[in-house]
Every structure is written in structure tokens, then in C-alpha cells.
PDB file of N, CA and C in Angstrom:
ATOM      1  N   MET A   1     342.406  85.753 196.627  1.00  0.00           N
ATOM      2  CA  MET A   1     343.278  84.716 196.221  1.00  0.00           C
ATOM      3  C   MET A   1     344.097  84.710 195.026  1.00  0.00           C
ATOM      4  N   THR A   2     345.230  84.121 195.176  1.00  0.00           N
ATOM      5  CA  THR A   2     346.196  84.049 194.018  1.00  0.00           C
ATOM      6  C   THR A   2     346.384  82.792 193.402  1.00  0.00           C
ATOM      7  N   ASP A   3     346.274  82.724 192.105  1.00  0.00           N
ATOM      8  CA  ASP A   3     346.536  81.652 191.305  1.00  0.00           C
ATOM      9  C   ASP A   3     348.030  81.756 191.102  1.00  0.00           C
ATOM     10  N   ASN A   4     348.821  80.933 191.462  1.00  0.00           N
ATOM     11  CA  ASN A   4     350.287  80.753 191.451  1.00  0.00           C
ATOM     12  C   ASN A   4     350.794  80.449 190.051  1.00  0.00           C
ATOM     13  N   THR A   5     349.981  79.917 189.074  1.00  0.00           N
ATOM     14  CA  THR A   5     350.459  79.582 187.879  1.00  0.00           C
ATOM     15  C   THR A   5     350.532  80.801 186.884  1.00  0.00           C
ATOM     16  N   ASN A   6     349.907  81.754 187.233  1.00  0.00           N
ATOM     17  CA  ASN A   6     350.163  83.037 186.424  1.00  0.00           C
ATOM     18  C   ASN A   6     350.096  84.402 187.091  1.00  0.00           C
ATOM     19  N   ASN A   7     350.189  84.061 188.537  1.00  0.00           N
ATOM     20  CA  ASN A   7     350.177  85.395 189.241  1.00  0.00           C
ATOM     21  C   ASN A   7     349.081  86.449 189.175  1.00  0.00           C
ATOM     22  N   THR A   8     347.889  85.850 188.914  1.00  0.00           N
ATOM     23  CA  THR A   8     346.581  86.672 188.787  1.00  0.00           C
ATOM     24  C   THR A   8     345.656  86.275 189.945  1.00  0.00           C
ATOM     25  N   THR A   9     344.834  87.105 190.161  1.00  0.00           N
ATOM     26  CA  THR A   9     343.820  86.896 191.197  1.00  0.00           C
ATOM     27  C   THR A   9     342.636  86.063 190.749  1.00  0.00           C
ATOM     28  N   THR A  10     342.309  85.173 191.411  1.00  0.00           N
ATOM     29  CA  THR A  10     341.042  84.210 190.789  1.00  0.00           C
ATOM     30  C   THR A  10     339.863  85.261 190.776  1.00  0.00           C
ATOM     31  N   GLU A  11     339.706  86.357 191.596  1.00  0.00           N
ATOM     32  CA  GLU A  11     338.555  87.173 191.469  1.00  0.00           C
ATOM     33  C   GLU A  11     338.434  87.720 190.239  1.00  0.00           C
ATOM     34  N   ASN A  12     339.645  88.144 189.508  1.00  0.00           N
ATOM     35  CA  ASN A  12     339.643  88.663 188.181  1.00  0.00           C
ATOM     36  C   ASN A  12     339.120  87.899 187.134  1.00  0.00           C
ATOM     37  N   LYS A  13     338.932  86.743 187.294  1.00  0.00           N
ATOM     38  CA  LYS A  13     338.527  85.556 186.385  1.00  0.00           C
ATOM     39  C   LYS A  13     337.183  85.456 186.545  1.00  0.00           C
ATOM     40  N   VAL A  14     336.451  85.730 187.494  1.00  0.00           N
ATOM     41  CA  VAL A  14     335.035  85.673 187.558  1.00  0.00           C
ATOM     42  C   VAL A  14     334.351  86.727 187.037  1.00  0.00           C
ATOM     43  N   LYS A  15     333.436  86.386 185.968  1.00  0.00           N
ATOM     44  CA  LYS A  15     332.816  87.266 185.221  1.00  0.00           C
ATOM     45  C   LYS A  15     331.247  87.419 185.592  1.00  0.00           C
ATOM     46  N   ALA A  16     330.845  86.503 186.366  1.00  0.00           N
ATOM     47  CA  ALA A  16     329.381  86.502 186.968  1.00  0.00           C
ATOM     48  C   ALA A  16     329.029  85.786 188.185  1.00  0.00           C
ATOM     49  N   HIS A  17     328.200  86.268 188.904  1.00  0.00           N
ATOM     50  CA  HIS A  17     327.624  85.374 190.096  1.00  0.00           C
ATOM     51  C   HIS A  17     326.311  85.238 189.880  1.00  0.00           C
ATOM     52  N   ALA A  18     325.804  84.115 189.991  1.00  0.00           N
ATOM     53  CA  ALA A  18     324.491  83.644 189.780  1.00  0.00           C
ATOM     54  C   ALA A  18     323.944  82.969 191.146  1.00  0.00           C
ATOM     55  N   GLU A  19     322.753  83.393 191.485  1.00  0.00           N
ATOM     56  CA  GLU A  19     321.907  82.672 192.503  1.00  0.00           C
ATOM     57  C   GLU A  19     320.823  82.139 191.864  1.00  0.00           C
ATOM     58  N   ILE A  20     320.841  80.765 191.843  1.00  0.00           N
ATOM     59  CA  ILE A  20     319.709  79.778 191.420  1.00  0.00           C
ATOM     60  C   ILE A  20     318.933  79.525 192.762  1.00  0.00           C
ATOM     61  N   ASN A  21     317.511  79.993 192.690  1.00  0.00           N
ATOM     62  CA  ASN A  21     316.776  79.562 193.855  1.00  0.00           C
ATOM     63  C   ASN A  21     315.718  78.493 193.391  1.00  0.00           C
ATOM     64  N   ASN A  22     315.310  77.539 194.072  1.00  0.00           N
ATOM     65  CA  ASN A  22     314.247  76.538 193.786  1.00  0.00           C
ATOM     66  C   ASN A  22     313.363  76.451 194.991  1.00  0.00           C
ATOM     67  N   SER A  23     312.227  75.951 194.581  1.00  0.00           N
ATOM     68  CA  SER A  23     311.175  75.712 195.881  1.00  0.00           C
ATOM     69  C   SER A  23     311.527  74.218 195.899  1.00  0.00           C
ATOM     70  N   LYS A  24     310.950  73.948 197.422  1.00  0.00           N
ATOM     71  CA  LYS A  24     311.010  72.596 197.508  1.00  0.00           C
ATOM     72  C   LYS A  24     309.638  72.059 196.831  1.00  0.00           C
ATOM     73  N   CYS A  25     309.628  70.514 196.780  1.00  0.00           N
ATOM     74  CA  CYS A  25     308.680  69.885 195.966  1.00  0.00           C
ATOM     75  C   CYS A  25     307.197  70.385 196.536  1.00  0.00           C
ATOM     76  N   ASP A  26     306.194  70.824 195.601  1.00  0.00           N
ATOM     77  CA  ASP A  26     305.015  70.827 196.086  1.00  0.00           C
ATOM     78  C   ASP A  26     304.023  69.400 195.981  1.00  0.00           C
ATOM     79  N   ILE A  27     302.799  69.525 196.385  1.00  0.00           N
ATOM     80  CA  ILE A  27     302.337  68.248 196.750  1.00  0.00           C
ATOM     81  C   ILE A  27     302.371  67.145 195.285  1.00  0.00           C
ATOM     82  N   ASN A  28     302.403  67.813 194.117  1.00  0.00           N
ATOM     83  CA  ASN A  28     302.665  67.046 193.084  1.00  0.00           C
ATOM     84  C   ASN A  28     303.950  66.564 192.647  1.00  0.00           C
ATOM     85  N   GLY A  29     305.001  67.148 193.364  1.00  0.00           N
ATOM     86  CA  GLY A  29     306.298  66.787 193.064  1.00  0.00           C
ATOM     87  C   GLY A  29     307.104  67.696 192.273  1.00  0.00           C
ATOM     88  N   ASN A  30     306.458  68.839 191.985  1.00  0.00           N
ATOM     89  CA  ASN A  30     306.968  69.855 190.889  1.00  0.00           C
ATOM     90  C   ASN A  30     307.858  70.833 191.916  1.00  0.00           C
ATOM     91  N   ARG A  31     308.935  71.418 191.246  1.00  0.00           N
ATOM     92  CA  ARG A  31     309.868  72.276 191.869  1.00  0.00           C
ATOM     93  C   ARG A  31     309.900  73.458 190.920  1.00  0.00           C
ATOM     94  N   TYR A  32     310.068  74.661 191.385  1.00  0.00           N
ATOM     95  CA  TYR A  32     310.093  75.873 190.601  1.00  0.00           C
ATOM     96  C   TYR A  32     311.442  76.518 190.663  1.00  0.00           C
ATOM     97  N   PHE A  33     311.879  77.065 189.705  1.00  0.00           N
ATOM     98  CA  PHE A  33     313.214  77.798 189.737  1.00  0.00           C
ATOM     99  C   PHE A  33     313.187  79.292 189.328  1.00  0.00           C
ATOM    100  N   CYS A  34     314.158  79.859 189.913  1.00  0.00           N
ATOM    101  CA  CYS A  34     314.475  81.622 189.433  1.00  0.00           C
ATOM    102  C   CYS A  34     315.876  81.545 189.641  1.00  0.00           C
ATOM    103  N   ALA A  35     316.387  82.532 188.752  1.00  0.00           N
ATOM    104  CA  ALA A  35     317.727  82.973 188.830  1.00  0.00           C
ATOM    105  C   ALA A  35     317.899  84.338 188.821  1.00  0.00           C
ATOM    106  N   VAL A  36     319.084  84.935 189.622  1.00  0.00           N
ATOM    107  CA  VAL A  36     319.541  86.254 189.475  1.00  0.00           C
ATOM    108  C   VAL A  36     320.852  86.157 189.095  1.00  0.00           C
ATOM    109  N   ILE A  37     321.214  86.931 187.973  1.00  0.00           N
ATOM    110  CA  ILE A  37     322.721  86.712 187.445  1.00  0.00           C
ATOM    111  C   ILE A  37     323.442  88.134 187.523  1.00  0.00           C
ATOM    112  N   THR A  38     324.337  88.365 188.114  1.00  0.00           N
ATOM    113  CA  THR A  38     325.072  89.416 188.193  1.00  0.00           C
ATOM    114  C   THR A  38     326.338  89.544 187.425  1.00  0.00           C
ATOM    115  N   ARG A  39     326.610  90.560 186.573  1.00  0.00           N
ATOM    116  CA  ARG A  39     327.713  90.406 185.551  1.00  0.00           C
ATOM    117  C   ARG A  39     328.855  91.365 186.413  1.00  0.00           C
ATOM    118  N   THR A  40     329.843  90.800 186.672  1.00  0.00           N
ATOM    119  CA  THR A  40     330.945  91.398 187.704  1.00  0.00           C
ATOM    120  C   THR A  40     331.626  92.579 186.972  1.00  0.00           C
ATOM    121  N   SER A  41     331.668  92.856 185.546  1.00  0.00           N
ATOM    122  CA  SER A  41     332.435  93.842 184.903  1.00  0.00           C
ATOM    123  C   SER A  41     331.673  95.120 185.213  1.00  0.00           C
ATOM    124  N   ASP A  42     330.375  95.093 185.374  1.00  0.00           N
ATOM    125  CA  ASP A  42     329.691  96.450 185.472  1.00  0.00           C
ATOM    126  C   ASP A  42     328.471  96.402 186.453  1.00  0.00           C
ATOM    127  N   GLY A  43     328.186  95.081 187.123  1.00  0.00           N
ATOM    128  CA  GLY A  43     327.219  95.049 188.196  1.00  0.00           C
ATOM    129  C   GLY A  43     325.906  95.003 187.560  1.00  0.00           C
ATOM    130  N   ALA A  44     325.836  94.657 186.246  1.00  0.00           N
ATOM    131  CA  ALA A  44     324.361  94.656 185.645  1.00  0.00           C
ATOM    132  C   ALA A  44     323.886  93.420 186.193  1.00  0.00           C
ATOM    133  N   ARG A  45     322.683  93.266 186.449  1.00  0.00           N
ATOM    134  CA  ARG A  45     321.725  92.350 187.064  1.00  0.00           C
ATOM    135  C   ARG A  45     320.779  91.914 186.041  1.00  0.00           C
ATOM    136  N   ALA A  46     320.495  90.487 185.955  1.00  0.00           N
ATOM    137  CA  ALA A  46     319.186  90.200 185.241  1.00  0.00           C
ATOM    138  C   ALA A  46     318.712  89.011 186.016  1.00  0.00           C
ATOM    139  N   GLY A  47     317.251  88.705 185.959  1.00  0.00           N
ATOM    140  CA  GLY A  47     316.788  87.733 186.729  1.00  0.00           C
ATOM    141  C   GLY A  47     315.383  87.398 186.519  1.00  0.00           C
ATOM    142  N   GLY A  48     314.820  86.446 186.956  1.00  0.00           N
ATOM    143  CA  GLY A  48     313.442  85.847 186.627  1.00  0.00           C
ATOM    144  C   GLY A  48     313.079  84.474 186.856  1.00  0.00           C
ATOM    145  N   GLN A  49     311.961  84.110 186.703  1.00  0.00           N
ATOM    146  CA  GLN A  49     311.527  82.740 186.794  1.00  0.00           C
ATOM    147  C   GLN A  49     311.958  82.061 185.665  1.00  0.00           C
ATOM    148  N   ILE A  50     312.304  80.639 185.852  1.00  0.00           N
ATOM    149  CA  ILE A  50     312.639  79.847 184.512  1.00  0.00           C
ATOM    150  C   ILE A  50     311.764  78.519 184.859  1.00  0.00           C
ATOM    151  N   THR A  51     311.508  78.056 183.622  1.00  0.00           N
ATOM    152  CA  THR A  51     311.034  76.463 183.740  1.00  0.00           C
ATOM    153  C   THR A  51     312.111  75.445 182.989  1.00  0.00           C
ATOM    154  N   GLY A  52     312.102  74.437 183.181  1.00  0.00           N
ATOM    155  CA  GLY A  52     312.929  73.492 182.725  1.00  0.00           C
ATOM    156  C   GLY A  52     314.145  73.094 183.555  1.00  0.00           C
ATOM    157  N   GLY A  53     314.452  74.056 184.921  1.00  0.00           N
ATOM    158  CA  GLY A  53     315.311  73.610 185.768  1.00  0.00           C
ATOM    159  C   GLY A  53     316.599  74.375 185.639  1.00  0.00           C
ATOM    160  N   GLU A  54     317.468  73.932 186.667  1.00  0.00           N
ATOM    161  CA  GLU A  54     318.548  74.839 186.811  1.00  0.00           C
ATOM    162  C   GLU A  54     319.770  74.442 185.782  1.00  0.00           C
ATOM    163  N   SER A  55     319.586  73.328 185.049  1.00  0.00           N
ATOM    164  CA  SER A  55     320.525  73.179 184.073  1.00  0.00           C
ATOM    165  C   SER A  55     320.526  73.925 182.889  1.00  0.00           C
ATOM    166  N   ASN A  56     319.255  74.607 182.581  1.00  0.00           N
ATOM    167  CA  ASN A  56     319.081  75.617 181.585  1.00  0.00           C
ATOM    168  C   ASN A  56     319.885  76.740 181.814  1.00  0.00           C
ATOM    169  N   VAL A  57     319.660  77.268 183.190  1.00  0.00           N
ATOM    170  CA  VAL A  57     320.531  78.320 183.547  1.00  0.00           C
ATOM    171  C   VAL A  57     322.010  78.147 183.520  1.00  0.00           C
ATOM    172  N   THR A  58     322.488  77.027 184.046  1.00  0.00           N
ATOM    173  CA  THR A  58     324.016  76.778 184.038  1.00  0.00           C
ATOM    174  C   THR A  58     324.469  76.684 182.339  1.00  0.00           C
ATOM    175  N   TYR A  59     323.701  76.220 181.596  1.00  0.00           N
ATOM    176  CA  TYR A  59     324.101  75.853 180.156  1.00  0.00           C
ATOM    177  C   TYR A  59     324.153  77.605 179.397  1.00  0.00           C
ATOM    178  N   SER A  60     323.097  78.299 180.031  1.00  0.00           N
ATOM    179  CA  SER A  60     323.260  79.752 179.616  1.00  0.00           C
ATOM    180  C   SER A  60     324.371  80.483 180.124  1.00  0.00           C
ATOM    181  N   LEU A  61     324.542  80.165 181.515  1.00  0.00           N
ATOM    182  CA  LEU A  61     326.107  80.787 181.936  1.00  0.00           C
ATOM    183  C   LEU A  61     327.221  80.551 181.188  1.00  0.00           C
ATOM    184  N   ARG A  62     327.146  78.916 180.936  1.00  0.00           N
ATOM    185  CA  ARG A  62     328.390  78.767 180.093  1.00  0.00           C
ATOM    186  C   ARG A  62     328.613  79.216 178.649  1.00  0.00           C
ATOM    187  N   GLN A  63     327.341  79.595 178.189  1.00  0.00           N
ATOM    188  CA  GLN A  63     327.292  80.251 176.762  1.00  0.00           C
ATOM    189  C   GLN A  63     327.810  81.734 176.830  1.00  0.00           C
ATOM    190  N   PHE A  64     327.326  82.288 178.006  1.00  0.00           N
ATOM    191  CA  PHE A  64     327.719  83.807 178.147  1.00  0.00           C
ATOM    192  C   PHE A  64     329.140  83.907 178.488  1.00  0.00           C
ATOM    193  N   PHE A  65     329.592  83.053 179.589  1.00  0.00           N
ATOM    194  CA  PHE A  65     330.992  83.327 180.136  1.00  0.00           C
ATOM    195  C   PHE A  65     331.898  82.292 180.094  1.00  0.00           C
ATOM    196  N   GLY A  66     331.753  81.279 179.253  1.00  0.00           N
ATOM    197  CA  GLY A  66     332.847  80.065 179.071  1.00  0.00           C
ATOM    198  C   GLY A  66     332.716  79.033 180.104  1.00  0.00           C
ATOM    199  N   ASP A  67     333.997  78.648 180.459  1.00  0.00           N
ATOM    200  CA  ASP A  67     333.992  77.406 181.151  1.00  0.00           C
ATOM    201  C   ASP A  67     333.654  77.670 182.702  1.00  0.00           C
ATOM    202  N   TRP A  68     333.667  76.547 183.375  1.00  0.00           N
ATOM    203  CA  TRP A  68     332.967  76.717 184.786  1.00  0.00           C
ATOM    204  C   TRP A  68     333.851  77.500 185.617  1.00  0.00           C
ATOM    205  N   GLY A  69     335.058  77.881 185.595  1.00  0.00           N
ATOM    206  CA  GLY A  69     335.899  78.656 186.317  1.00  0.00           C
ATOM    207  C   GLY A  69     335.581  80.127 186.175  1.00  0.00           C
ATOM    208  N   SER A  70     334.701  80.493 185.162  1.00  0.00           N
ATOM    209  CA  SER A  70     334.545  81.975 184.932  1.00  0.00           C
ATOM    210  C   SER A  70     333.326  82.519 185.512  1.00  0.00           C
ATOM    211  N   PHE A  71     332.625  81.688 186.319  1.00  0.00           N
ATOM    212  CA  PHE A  71     331.402  82.113 186.981  1.00  0.00           C
ATOM    213  C   PHE A  71     331.064  81.298 188.241  1.00  0.00           C
ATOM    214  N   ILE A  72     330.450  81.842 189.300  1.00  0.00           N
ATOM    215  CA  ILE A  72     330.254  81.314 190.666  1.00  0.00           C
ATOM    216  C   ILE A  72     328.696  81.228 190.405  1.00  0.00           C
ATOM    217  N   TYR A  73     328.341  80.089 190.981  1.00  0.00           N
ATOM    218  CA  TYR A  73     326.677  79.883 191.251  1.00  0.00           C
ATOM    219  C   TYR A  73     326.409  79.324 192.557  1.00  0.00           C
ATOM    220  N   THR A  74     325.327  79.809 193.129  1.00  0.00           N
ATOM    221  CA  THR A  74     325.017  78.982 194.358  1.00  0.00           C
ATOM    222  C   THR A  74     323.509  78.704 194.111  1.00  0.00           C
ATOM    223  N   ARG A  75     322.943  77.576 194.706  1.00  0.00           N
ATOM    224  CA  ARG A  75     321.609  77.230 194.567  1.00  0.00           C
ATOM    225  C   ARG A  75     320.876  77.258 196.146  1.00  0.00           C
ATOM    226  N   VAL A  76     319.998  77.722 196.072  1.00  0.00           N
ATOM    227  CA  VAL A  76     319.234  77.631 197.401  1.00  0.00           C
ATOM    228  C   VAL A  76     317.683  77.120 197.428  1.00  0.00           C
ATOM    229  N   GLU A  77     317.447  76.133 198.203  1.00  0.00           N
ATOM    230  CA  GLU A  77     316.176  75.539 198.151  1.00  0.00           C
ATOM    231  C   GLU A  77     315.215  76.347 199.192  1.00  0.00           C
ATOM    232  N   LEU A  78     314.288  76.774 198.957  1.00  0.00           N
ATOM    233  CA  LEU A  78     313.211  77.593 199.752  1.00  0.00           C
ATOM    234  C   LEU A  78     312.074  76.741 199.802  1.00  0.00           C
ATOM    235  N   PRO A  79     311.279  76.896 201.111  1.00  0.00           N
ATOM    236  CA  PRO A  79     309.854  76.409 201.284  1.00  0.00           C
ATOM    237  C   PRO A  79     309.066  77.002 200.108  1.00  0.00           C
ATOM    238  N   ILE A  80     308.001  76.432 199.840  1.00  0.00           N
ATOM    239  CA  ILE A  80     307.111  77.058 198.684  1.00  0.00           C
ATOM    240  C   ILE A  80     306.723  78.298 198.924  1.00  0.00           C
ATOM    241  N   ARG A  81     306.274  78.589 200.197  1.00  0.00           N
ATOM    242  CA  ARG A  81     305.611  80.054 200.349  1.00  0.00           C
ATOM    243  C   ARG A  81     306.740  81.216 200.287  1.00  0.00           C
ATOM    244  N   GLU A  82     308.041  80.844 200.857  1.00  0.00           N
ATOM    245  CA  GLU A  82     309.006  81.665 200.704  1.00  0.00           C
ATOM    246  C   GLU A  82     309.429  81.993 199.171  1.00  0.00           C
ATOM    247  N   TYR A  83     309.565  80.867 198.606  1.00  0.00           N
ATOM    248  CA  TYR A  83     309.835  81.078 197.080  1.00  0.00           C
ATOM    249  C   TYR A  83     308.827  81.736 196.418  1.00  0.00           C
ATOM    250  N   ASN A  84     307.572  81.779 196.563  1.00  0.00           N
ATOM    251  CA  ASN A  84     306.453  82.537 196.183  1.00  0.00           C
ATOM    252  C   ASN A  84     306.565  83.945 196.366  1.00  0.00           C
ATOM    253  N   LYS A  85     306.911  84.183 197.674  1.00  0.00           N
ATOM    254  CA  LYS A  85     307.304  85.664 197.907  1.00  0.00           C
ATOM    255  C   LYS A  85     308.421  86.372 197.211  1.00  0.00           C
ATOM    256  N   LEU A  86     309.344  85.470 196.996  1.00  0.00           N
ATOM    257  CA  LEU A  86     310.620  86.105 196.404  1.00  0.00           C
ATOM    258  C   LEU A  86     310.345  86.397 194.873  1.00  0.00           C
ATOM    259  N   THR A  87     309.375  85.531 194.316  1.00  0.00           N
ATOM    260  CA  THR A  87     309.285  85.529 192.971  1.00  0.00           C
ATOM    261  C   THR A  87     307.974  86.166 192.529  1.00  0.00           C
ATOM    262  N   LYS A  88     307.326  86.716 193.400  1.00  0.00           N
ATOM    263  CA  LYS A  88     306.034  87.460 193.193  1.00  0.00           C
ATOM    264  C   LYS A  88     306.048  88.274 192.012  1.00  0.00           C
ATOM    265  N   ASN A  89     307.053  89.253 191.956  1.00  0.00           N
ATOM    266  CA  ASN A  89     307.441  90.422 190.963  1.00  0.00           C
ATOM    267  C   ASN A  89     308.596  90.160 189.756  1.00  0.00           C
ATOM    268  N   MET A  90     308.904  88.831 189.927  1.00  0.00           N
ATOM    269  CA  MET A  90     309.905  88.572 189.024  1.00  0.00           C
ATOM    270  C   MET A  90     309.368  88.167 187.674  1.00  0.00           C
ATOM    271  N   PRO A  91     310.026  88.885 186.549  1.00  0.00           N
ATOM    272  CA  PRO A  91     309.519  88.508 185.042  1.00  0.00           C
ATOM    273  C   PRO A  91     309.815  86.921 184.846  1.00  0.00           C
ATOM    274  N   TYR A  92     309.185  86.551 183.793  1.00  0.00           N
ATOM    275  CA  TYR A  92     309.459  85.131 183.327  1.00  0.00           C
ATOM    276  C   TYR A  92     310.807  85.140 182.269  1.00  0.00           C
ATOM    277  N   LEU A  93     311.618  84.213 182.403  1.00  0.00           N
ATOM    278  CA  LEU A  93     312.865  84.260 181.621  1.00  0.00           C
ATOM    279  C   LEU A  93     312.869  83.503 180.528  1.00  0.00           C
ATOM    280  N   GLY A  94     312.016  82.387 180.721  1.00  0.00           N
ATOM    281  CA  GLY A  94     311.881  81.318 179.659  1.00  0.00           C
ATOM    282  C   GLY A  94     311.974  79.854 179.969  1.00  0.00           C
ATOM    283  N   CYS A  95     312.145  79.096 179.069  1.00  0.00           N
ATOM    284  CA  CYS A  95     312.414  77.746 179.452  1.00  0.00           C
ATOM    285  C   CYS A  95     313.695  77.091 178.593  1.00  0.00           C
ATOM    286  N   THR A  96     313.793  77.510 177.405  1.00  0.00           N
ATOM    287  CA  THR A  96     314.901  76.830 176.555  1.00  0.00           C
ATOM    288  C   THR A  96     316.128  77.893 176.928  1.00  0.00           C
ATOM    289  N   PRO A  97     317.225  77.291 176.801  1.00  0.00           N
ATOM    290  CA  PRO A  97     318.463  78.068 176.812  1.00  0.00           C
ATOM    291  C   PRO A  97     318.497  79.449 176.002  1.00  0.00           C
ATOM    292  N   ASP A  98     317.904  79.234 174.716  1.00  0.00           N
ATOM    293  CA  ASP A  98     317.886  80.436 173.848  1.00  0.00           C
ATOM    294  C   ASP A  98     316.921  81.573 174.351  1.00  0.00           C
ATOM    295  N   GLU A  99     315.829  81.125 174.940  1.00  0.00           N
ATOM    296  CA  GLU A  99     314.875  82.159 175.577  1.00  0.00           C
ATOM    297  C   GLU A  99     315.408  82.791 176.806  1.00  0.00           C
ATOM    298  N   ILE A 100     316.019  81.945 177.534  1.00  0.00           N
ATOM    299  CA  ILE A 100     316.643  82.654 178.903  1.00  0.00           C
ATOM    300  C   ILE A 100     317.790  83.617 178.359  1.00  0.00           C
ATOM    301  N   ASN A 101     318.640  83.025 177.381  1.00  0.00           N
ATOM    302  CA  ASN A 101     319.731  83.949 176.910  1.00  0.00           C
ATOM    303  C   ASN A 101     319.262  85.188 176.396  1.00  0.00           C
ATOM    304  N   LYS A 102     318.256  85.257 175.628  1.00  0.00           N
ATOM    305  CA  LYS A 102     317.712  86.520 175.014  1.00  0.00           C
ATOM    306  C   LYS A 102     317.029  87.527 176.070  1.00  0.00           C
ATOM    307  N   ASN A 103     316.370  86.833 176.962  1.00  0.00           N
ATOM    308  CA  ASN A 103     315.762  87.707 178.041  1.00  0.00           C
ATOM    309  C   ASN A 103     316.704  88.269 179.093  1.00  0.00           C
ATOM    310  N   ILE A 104     317.830  87.455 179.329  1.00  0.00           N
ATOM    311  CA  ILE A 104     318.956  88.004 180.190  1.00  0.00           C
ATOM    312  C   ILE A 104     319.718  89.220 179.344  1.00  0.00           C
ATOM    313  N   THR A 105     319.904  88.932 178.252  1.00  0.00           N
ATOM    314  CA  THR A 105     320.601  90.059 177.377  1.00  0.00           C
ATOM    315  C   THR A 105     319.821  91.290 177.219  1.00  0.00           C
ATOM    316  N   ASP A 106     318.490  91.109 177.012  1.00  0.00           N
ATOM    317  CA  ASP A 106     317.543  92.255 177.148  1.00  0.00           C
ATOM    318  C   ASP A 106     317.812  93.061 178.413  1.00  0.00           C
ATOM    319  N   GLN A 107     317.570  92.248 179.598  1.00  0.00           N
ATOM    320  CA  GLN A 107     317.711  92.983 180.732  1.00  0.00           C
ATOM    321  C   GLN A 107     319.067  93.707 181.165  1.00  0.00           C
ATOM    322  N   TRP A 108     320.036  93.101 180.501  1.00  0.00           N
ATOM    323  CA  TRP A 108     321.565  93.561 180.756  1.00  0.00           C
ATOM    324  C   TRP A 108     321.570  94.807 179.875  1.00  0.00           C
ATOM    325  N   ASN A 109     321.020  94.789 178.606  1.00  0.00           N
ATOM    326  CA  ASN A 109     321.099  95.910 177.780  1.00  0.00           C
ATOM    327  C   ASN A 109     320.316  97.120 178.440  1.00  0.00           C
ATOM    328  N   ASN A 110     319.235  96.796 179.030  1.00  0.00           N
ATOM    329  CA  ASN A 110     318.223  97.908 179.624  1.00  0.00           C
ATOM    330  C   ASN A 110     318.837  98.252 181.167  1.00  0.00           C
ATOM    331  N   TYR A 111     319.808  97.662 181.628  1.00  0.00           N
ATOM    332  CA  TYR A 111     320.086  97.840 182.971  1.00  0.00           C
ATOM    333  C   TYR A 111     320.679  99.424 183.393  1.00  0.00           C
ATOM    334  N   LYS A 112     320.169  99.799 184.460  1.00  0.00           N
ATOM    335  CA  LYS A 112     320.456 101.048 184.789  1.00  0.00           C
ATOM    336  C   LYS A 112     320.874 100.779 186.307  1.00  0.00           C
ATOM    337  N   ALA A 113     322.047 101.215 186.730  1.00  0.00           N
ATOM    338  CA  ALA A 113     322.682 101.067 188.220  1.00  0.00           C
ATOM    339  C   ALA A 113     321.761 101.987 189.068  1.00  0.00           C
TER     340      ALA A 113
END
């Protein structure tokens, strides 16, 4: 895709791709969240389960990468059993944006392709 305002491709502006998965509501009305974030500059991936909802992840993404145009994210809702299978071996990233940022940074720093 070309951005005609400055003749650069839109793909070059995207610094990360994030997939945020959440479970459908359980019998008590709770939903559970996890995220996998891939940095486009080097392919480094970080991810895990979070509490506090998708807004904490999007807040973290904005802290890392700036405005909304600098990252792409998708949200997928899964049945409880599928969500549990997906997250069975995922680490816990945290609840607050500060915890999430610290754990994402740690995973990126230890990333091996």
C-alpha cells in the first residue's frame, strides 16, 4: 500500500502486530485474555496471559510504538476450551501496563529466532 502524502509504504510504518485472544464468558461472566506481540523490525515475539482486559495490552502497545497507526492488532474470541488449550503453556504477563511492559521487554530481550 502506498501513502500518497509522502510516498512511503504503509507497511514500513507498522512496528508491531498483536493478536489478542479472549475467551467467551464462563458461567460466572468472566472473560480471560492473552496476547502475542511480534515486533516487525526483527520478528521478536512476546506473549502470555494477562488480567485486566485488552485495554491494558493496547495501552502497552501505544507506550512501546506510539500512535494507533504504528501497530496492527486483531482480537479473536474463542470458546473456553479452545482458549484453555491455547494458553496452557503461556507465561503470565501481568495485570497493570507496567507489569505487562516489563515482561514483554524481558521476553524480547531474551528472544532467539
